[in-house]
N, C-alpha and C. Protein backbone atom coordinates (compact mmCIF):
# COMPACT_ATOMS: atom_id res chain seq x y z
N MET A 1 69.93 123.77 178.21
CA MET A 1 68.37 124.38 178.20
C MET A 1 67.50 123.78 176.61
N ALA A 2 68.46 123.20 175.62
CA ALA A 2 67.80 122.49 174.81
C ALA A 2 66.99 121.46 174.96
N GLU A 3 67.89 120.39 175.62
CA GLU A 3 66.99 119.57 176.00
C GLU A 3 66.23 119.49 176.76
N GLU A 4 66.09 120.25 177.83
CA GLU A 4 64.82 120.40 178.31
C GLU A 4 63.68 120.79 177.45
N TYR A 5 63.73 121.42 176.73
CA TYR A 5 63.00 122.00 175.99
C TYR A 5 62.28 121.11 175.58
N VAL A 6 63.23 120.33 174.59
CA VAL A 6 62.79 119.16 174.24
C VAL A 6 61.82 118.44 174.99
N GLU A 7 62.27 117.54 175.94
CA GLU A 7 61.59 116.93 176.75
C GLU A 7 59.95 117.84 176.93
N VAL A 8 59.79 118.63 177.25
CA VAL A 8 59.26 119.41 177.79
C VAL A 8 57.75 119.45 176.48
N LEU A 9 58.76 119.01 174.67
CA LEU A 9 57.80 119.12 174.52
C LEU A 9 57.32 117.84 173.36
N TYR A 10 57.68 116.91 173.79
CA TYR A 10 57.42 115.45 174.40
C TYR A 10 56.38 115.32 175.10
N LYS A 11 56.58 115.63 176.29
CA LYS A 11 55.64 115.76 177.39
C LYS A 11 53.85 116.05 177.01
N LEU A 12 54.18 117.59 176.00
CA LEU A 12 52.83 117.95 175.68
C LEU A 12 52.52 117.78 174.76
N PHE A 13 53.34 116.39 173.39
CA PHE A 13 52.92 116.12 172.81
C PHE A 13 52.39 114.46 173.09
N GLU A 14 53.24 113.65 173.88
CA GLU A 14 52.67 112.85 174.52
C GLU A 14 51.94 112.36 175.04
N GLY A 15 52.27 113.33 176.38
CA GLY A 15 51.21 113.08 177.66
C GLY A 15 50.42 113.62 177.66
N SER A 16 49.87 114.28 177.00
CA SER A 16 48.43 115.33 177.80
C SER A 16 47.64 114.87 177.16
N TRP A 17 47.09 114.44 176.18
CA TRP A 17 45.94 113.96 175.49
C TRP A 17 46.13 112.45 174.67
N GLU A 18 45.43 112.07 175.79
CA GLU A 18 45.12 110.46 175.40
C GLU A 18 44.29 109.99 174.47
N GLU A 19 44.62 108.92 174.09
CA GLU A 19 44.17 108.14 172.46
C GLU A 19 42.55 108.27 173.35
N GLY A 20 41.78 108.63 171.97
CA GLY A 20 39.52 108.22 172.76
C GLY A 20 39.55 109.88 173.22
N ALA A 21 40.84 110.74 173.42
CA ALA A 21 40.25 112.17 173.78
C ALA A 21 39.69 113.05 172.71
N ILE A 22 39.29 112.91 172.14
CA ILE A 22 38.95 113.67 171.12
C ILE A 22 37.55 113.21 170.67
N VAL A 23 35.98 113.58 171.23
CA VAL A 23 34.42 113.34 171.21
C VAL A 23 34.37 113.80 169.55
N ARG A 24 33.91 114.82 169.76
CA ARG A 24 33.46 115.44 168.30
C ARG A 24 31.98 115.04 168.35
N ASP A 25 30.47 115.03 169.41
CA ASP A 25 30.28 115.22 169.41
C ASP A 25 29.17 116.28 169.51
N ARG A 26 28.52 116.09 167.72
CA ARG A 26 28.03 117.65 167.68
C ARG A 26 26.76 118.09 168.43
N GLU A 27 25.66 116.48 168.92
CA GLU A 27 24.63 116.41 169.19
C GLU A 27 24.82 116.80 171.14
N LYS A 28 25.32 116.25 171.56
CA LYS A 28 25.33 116.40 172.80
C LYS A 28 26.66 117.46 173.14
N ARG A 29 27.21 118.72 171.79
CA ARG A 29 28.13 119.39 172.09
C ARG A 29 29.51 118.97 172.42
N VAL A 30 29.58 117.98 172.83
CA VAL A 30 31.04 117.41 173.59
C VAL A 30 32.16 117.41 171.98
N PHE A 31 33.33 118.33 172.49
CA PHE A 31 34.16 117.77 171.24
C PHE A 31 35.53 116.89 172.36
N THR A 32 35.31 117.37 173.85
CA THR A 32 37.25 116.61 174.00
C THR A 32 36.26 115.94 175.57
N ASN A 33 36.87 114.84 175.66
CA ASN A 33 36.08 113.88 177.49
C ASN A 33 37.85 114.40 178.18
N PRO A 34 37.28 115.39 178.70
CA PRO A 34 38.28 115.63 179.98
C PRO A 34 39.09 115.10 180.64
N ASP A 35 38.73 113.54 181.32
CA ASP A 35 39.52 112.96 181.47
C ASP A 35 40.27 112.28 181.60
N LYS A 36 40.81 112.31 180.15
CA LYS A 36 41.68 111.87 178.99
C LYS A 36 42.82 113.26 178.60
N VAL A 37 42.22 114.88 179.41
CA VAL A 37 43.89 115.14 178.85
C VAL A 37 43.96 115.74 179.98
N HIS A 38 45.38 115.57 179.70
CA HIS A 38 45.94 115.85 181.15
C HIS A 38 47.12 117.15 181.75
N GLU A 39 47.29 117.73 182.95
CA GLU A 39 48.26 118.87 183.16
C GLU A 39 49.53 117.91 182.65
N ILE A 40 50.31 118.49 182.60
CA ILE A 40 51.91 117.92 182.03
C ILE A 40 52.44 117.84 183.11
N GLY A 41 52.59 119.40 184.13
CA GLY A 41 53.64 119.26 185.36
C GLY A 41 55.38 119.39 185.98
N HIS A 42 55.31 120.26 184.35
CA HIS A 42 56.51 120.09 184.38
C HIS A 42 57.61 120.91 185.20
N LYS A 43 58.54 120.45 185.79
CA LYS A 43 59.00 121.96 186.85
C LYS A 43 60.61 121.10 186.55
N GLY A 44 61.52 122.06 185.38
CA GLY A 44 62.97 121.89 185.21
C GLY A 44 63.88 123.05 186.14
N LYS A 45 64.81 123.02 185.14
CA LYS A 45 65.81 123.78 186.07
C LYS A 45 65.56 125.09 184.85
N TYR A 46 64.78 125.39 183.60
CA TYR A 46 64.86 126.22 182.66
C TYR A 46 63.15 126.66 182.26
N PHE A 47 62.44 125.89 182.55
CA PHE A 47 60.35 125.96 182.04
C PHE A 47 60.52 125.21 183.27
N GLU A 48 58.99 125.76 183.20
CA GLU A 48 57.64 124.80 184.56
C GLU A 48 56.47 125.28 183.15
N VAL A 49 55.46 124.06 183.26
CA VAL A 49 54.74 124.24 182.30
C VAL A 49 53.74 123.40 183.25
N PRO A 50 52.86 123.83 183.91
CA PRO A 50 52.16 123.25 184.52
C PRO A 50 51.00 122.37 183.83
N GLY A 51 50.58 122.91 182.85
CA GLY A 51 49.20 122.40 182.17
C GLY A 51 49.31 121.06 180.86
N TYR A 52 48.13 122.21 180.34
CA TYR A 52 47.66 120.68 179.00
C TYR A 52 48.68 121.85 177.62
N HIS A 53 48.39 120.39 177.12
CA HIS A 53 48.91 121.05 175.28
C HIS A 53 47.70 121.54 174.99
N LEU A 54 47.34 123.11 174.22
CA LEU A 54 46.49 123.22 173.68
C LEU A 54 45.71 122.93 172.65
N TYR A 55 46.19 122.59 172.23
CA TYR A 55 45.91 121.53 170.83
C TYR A 55 45.38 119.95 170.63
N GLU A 56 44.53 119.35 170.39
CA GLU A 56 44.76 117.96 170.21
C GLU A 56 45.31 117.88 168.59
N PRO A 57 45.88 116.11 169.46
CA PRO A 57 47.51 115.85 168.45
C PRO A 57 47.02 115.57 167.52
N SER A 58 48.30 116.05 167.14
CA SER A 58 48.37 115.95 164.81
C SER A 58 47.82 114.00 165.18
N PRO A 59 47.21 113.71 163.49
CA PRO A 59 47.27 112.23 163.11
C PRO A 59 48.76 112.05 163.45
N GLN A 60 49.67 112.02 163.09
CA GLN A 60 51.13 111.63 163.45
C GLN A 60 51.29 111.83 164.79
N ARG A 61 51.23 112.40 165.51
CA ARG A 61 50.79 112.51 167.89
C ARG A 61 52.06 113.47 167.40
N THR A 62 53.38 113.38 167.06
CA THR A 62 54.04 114.00 167.11
C THR A 62 55.34 114.21 166.66
N LEU A 63 55.04 116.41 166.09
CA LEU A 63 55.69 116.70 165.35
C LEU A 63 57.00 116.49 164.84
N LEU A 64 57.64 116.53 163.35
CA LEU A 64 58.82 116.06 162.84
C LEU A 64 59.53 117.26 164.01
N LEU A 65 60.54 116.82 164.62
CA LEU A 65 61.58 117.50 165.63
C LEU A 65 62.72 118.08 164.30
N TYR A 66 62.72 119.58 163.76
CA TYR A 66 64.17 119.67 162.78
C TYR A 66 65.24 120.96 163.71
N GLN A 67 66.87 119.97 163.76
CA GLN A 67 67.39 120.95 164.37
C GLN A 67 68.73 120.98 163.61
N ALA A 68 69.55 122.73 163.96
CA ALA A 68 70.10 122.89 163.35
C ALA A 68 71.56 123.62 163.73
N GLY A 69 72.60 123.32 163.44
CA GLY A 69 73.93 123.43 164.20
C GLY A 69 74.71 122.53 164.94
N ALA A 70 76.15 123.19 165.01
CA ALA A 70 76.65 121.80 165.05
C ALA A 70 77.66 122.42 166.47
N SER A 71 77.38 122.88 167.75
CA SER A 71 77.51 122.60 168.93
C SER A 71 77.49 120.99 169.37
N GLY A 72 78.03 121.21 170.49
CA GLY A 72 78.30 119.45 171.42
C GLY A 72 76.67 119.42 171.89
N PRO A 73 76.35 120.23 172.51
CA PRO A 73 74.87 120.11 173.06
C PRO A 73 73.66 119.88 171.68
N GLY A 74 74.04 120.66 170.41
CA GLY A 74 73.06 120.60 169.66
C GLY A 74 73.22 119.12 169.21
N LYS A 75 74.55 118.85 169.06
CA LYS A 75 74.43 116.91 168.65
C LYS A 75 73.45 116.47 169.11
N ILE A 76 74.22 116.92 171.09
CA ILE A 76 73.38 115.87 172.09
C ILE A 76 72.09 116.00 172.06
N VAL A 77 71.20 117.00 171.70
CA VAL A 77 69.78 116.95 171.17
C VAL A 77 69.39 116.33 169.69
N CYS A 78 69.85 116.36 168.54
CA CYS A 78 69.96 115.58 167.54
C CYS A 78 69.52 114.06 167.81
N ARG A 79 70.87 113.78 168.23
CA ARG A 79 70.64 112.19 168.43
C ARG A 79 69.29 111.82 169.12
N GLN A 80 69.06 112.94 170.46
CA GLN A 80 68.06 112.54 171.01
C GLN A 80 66.56 112.36 170.65
N ALA A 81 66.80 113.03 170.08
CA ALA A 81 64.76 113.89 170.08
C ALA A 81 64.60 114.34 167.55
N CYS A 82 65.42 114.84 167.63
CA CYS A 82 65.38 115.29 166.26
C CYS A 82 65.03 114.26 165.43
N GLY A 83 63.89 113.94 164.53
CA GLY A 83 64.04 113.35 163.17
C GLY A 83 64.34 113.50 162.20
N VAL A 84 65.10 114.67 162.42
CA VAL A 84 65.67 115.56 160.73
C VAL A 84 67.33 116.67 161.01
N ARG A 85 68.42 116.48 160.78
CA ARG A 85 69.33 117.31 161.17
C ARG A 85 70.00 118.17 159.89
N LEU A 86 69.55 118.92 159.92
CA LEU A 86 70.57 119.94 159.18
C LEU A 86 71.51 120.60 159.25
N ARG A 87 72.72 120.29 158.39
CA ARG A 87 73.58 120.86 158.54
C ARG A 87 74.06 121.97 157.40
N PHE A 88 74.38 123.03 157.68
CA PHE A 88 74.60 124.06 156.30
C PHE A 88 75.86 124.13 156.89
N ALA A 89 76.97 124.43 157.24
CA ALA A 89 78.19 124.17 156.25
C ALA A 89 79.52 123.82 156.99
N ALA A 90 80.04 122.71 156.65
CA ALA A 90 81.45 122.23 157.32
C ALA A 90 83.00 122.97 156.07
N PRO A 91 84.09 123.05 157.06
CA PRO A 91 84.76 123.57 156.60
C PRO A 91 85.77 122.61 155.27
N THR A 92 85.26 121.45 155.23
CA THR A 92 85.72 120.86 154.07
C THR A 92 84.93 119.29 154.27
N LYS A 93 84.87 119.00 153.20
CA LYS A 93 84.08 117.07 153.14
C LYS A 93 84.40 115.98 154.84
N GLU A 94 85.70 116.44 154.74
CA GLU A 94 86.22 115.53 156.02
C GLU A 94 85.29 115.64 156.90
N VAL A 95 85.20 116.69 157.16
CA VAL A 95 84.64 116.84 158.91
C VAL A 95 82.92 116.78 158.35
N LEU A 96 82.91 117.11 157.20
CA LEU A 96 81.04 116.76 157.23
C LEU A 96 81.18 115.62 157.16
N ARG A 97 81.62 114.49 156.27
CA ARG A 97 81.52 113.43 157.00
C ARG A 97 81.83 112.10 158.05
N SER A 98 82.78 112.81 158.57
CA SER A 98 82.92 112.45 160.27
C SER A 98 81.84 112.74 161.42
N TYR A 99 81.52 114.68 160.55
CA TYR A 99 80.19 114.61 161.81
C TYR A 99 78.50 113.78 161.13
N VAL A 100 78.85 113.40 159.96
CA VAL A 100 77.13 112.87 159.59
C VAL A 100 77.73 111.22 160.26
N ALA A 101 78.83 110.76 160.29
CA ALA A 101 78.44 109.20 160.55
C ALA A 101 78.64 109.54 161.88
N GLU A 102 79.36 110.72 163.07
CA GLU A 102 78.56 110.58 164.18
C GLU A 102 77.70 110.76 165.07
N CYS A 103 76.68 111.82 163.95
CA CYS A 103 75.18 112.09 164.45
C CYS A 103 74.51 110.66 163.81
N VAL A 104 75.34 110.05 162.79
CA VAL A 104 74.23 108.58 162.84
C VAL A 104 74.68 107.41 163.50
N ALA A 105 76.18 107.22 163.94
CA ALA A 105 76.60 105.56 164.82
C ALA A 105 75.75 105.88 166.24
N ARG A 106 75.21 107.10 166.87
CA ARG A 106 74.58 107.45 168.06
C ARG A 106 73.26 106.56 168.24
N PRO A 107 73.03 105.89 169.33
CA PRO A 107 71.64 105.94 169.33
C PRO A 107 70.70 106.98 169.33
N ARG A 108 69.53 106.03 168.54
CA ARG A 108 68.25 108.04 168.58
C ARG A 108 66.76 107.99 169.84
N SER A 109 66.20 108.17 169.99
CA SER A 109 65.06 107.80 171.07
C SER A 109 64.72 106.99 170.20
N ARG A 110 62.92 106.69 170.16
CA ARG A 110 62.21 106.33 169.83
C ARG A 110 60.97 107.24 168.82
N ALA A 111 61.21 108.36 169.07
CA ALA A 111 60.31 109.31 168.76
C ALA A 111 61.42 109.36 167.13
N ALA A 112 62.38 109.66 167.47
CA ALA A 112 63.43 110.22 166.17
C ALA A 112 63.58 108.86 165.09
N THR A 113 63.65 107.95 165.55
CA THR A 113 63.25 106.79 164.73
C THR A 113 62.14 105.55 163.90
N ARG A 114 61.28 106.76 164.76
CA ARG A 114 59.97 106.06 164.17
C ARG A 114 59.55 105.94 163.00
N ALA A 115 58.62 104.45 161.87
CA ALA A 115 58.99 104.40 161.06
C ALA A 115 58.49 105.20 159.76
N SER A 116 58.77 106.03 158.83
CA SER A 116 58.21 107.10 157.90
C SER A 116 56.67 107.10 157.42
N SER A 117 55.85 105.91 158.08
CA SER A 117 55.05 105.41 157.47
C SER A 117 54.09 106.55 158.61
N ASN A 118 54.65 106.93 159.15
CA ASN A 118 54.52 107.38 161.19
C ASN A 118 54.16 108.82 160.46
N LEU A 119 55.00 109.15 159.75
CA LEU A 119 55.17 110.79 159.21
C LEU A 119 54.38 111.20 158.45
């Protein structure tokens, strides 16, 4: 479920509003070019999101995602999508080292590896 949730987030952040969708023309009283705002049309196992992202994109476009937890699915979501991983506890330093090495060694998505200058 978490993987699909993150997929929906990225569709909303990256796919709903095109560059140049924000017009902000006070004279013509136009805020948005509707031709550049799209429904995401997501239909998945857990979520159905037919519509648009309700807000204009932030300057960095995609928000920084945090994920906490040590479950197998949580680690997968972290590696695929999250920019920051929080780990609150480990029974030993060795377990923590192993865990960190596992998360760092796996390939990550474009959004998770973006340059810090884009944050």
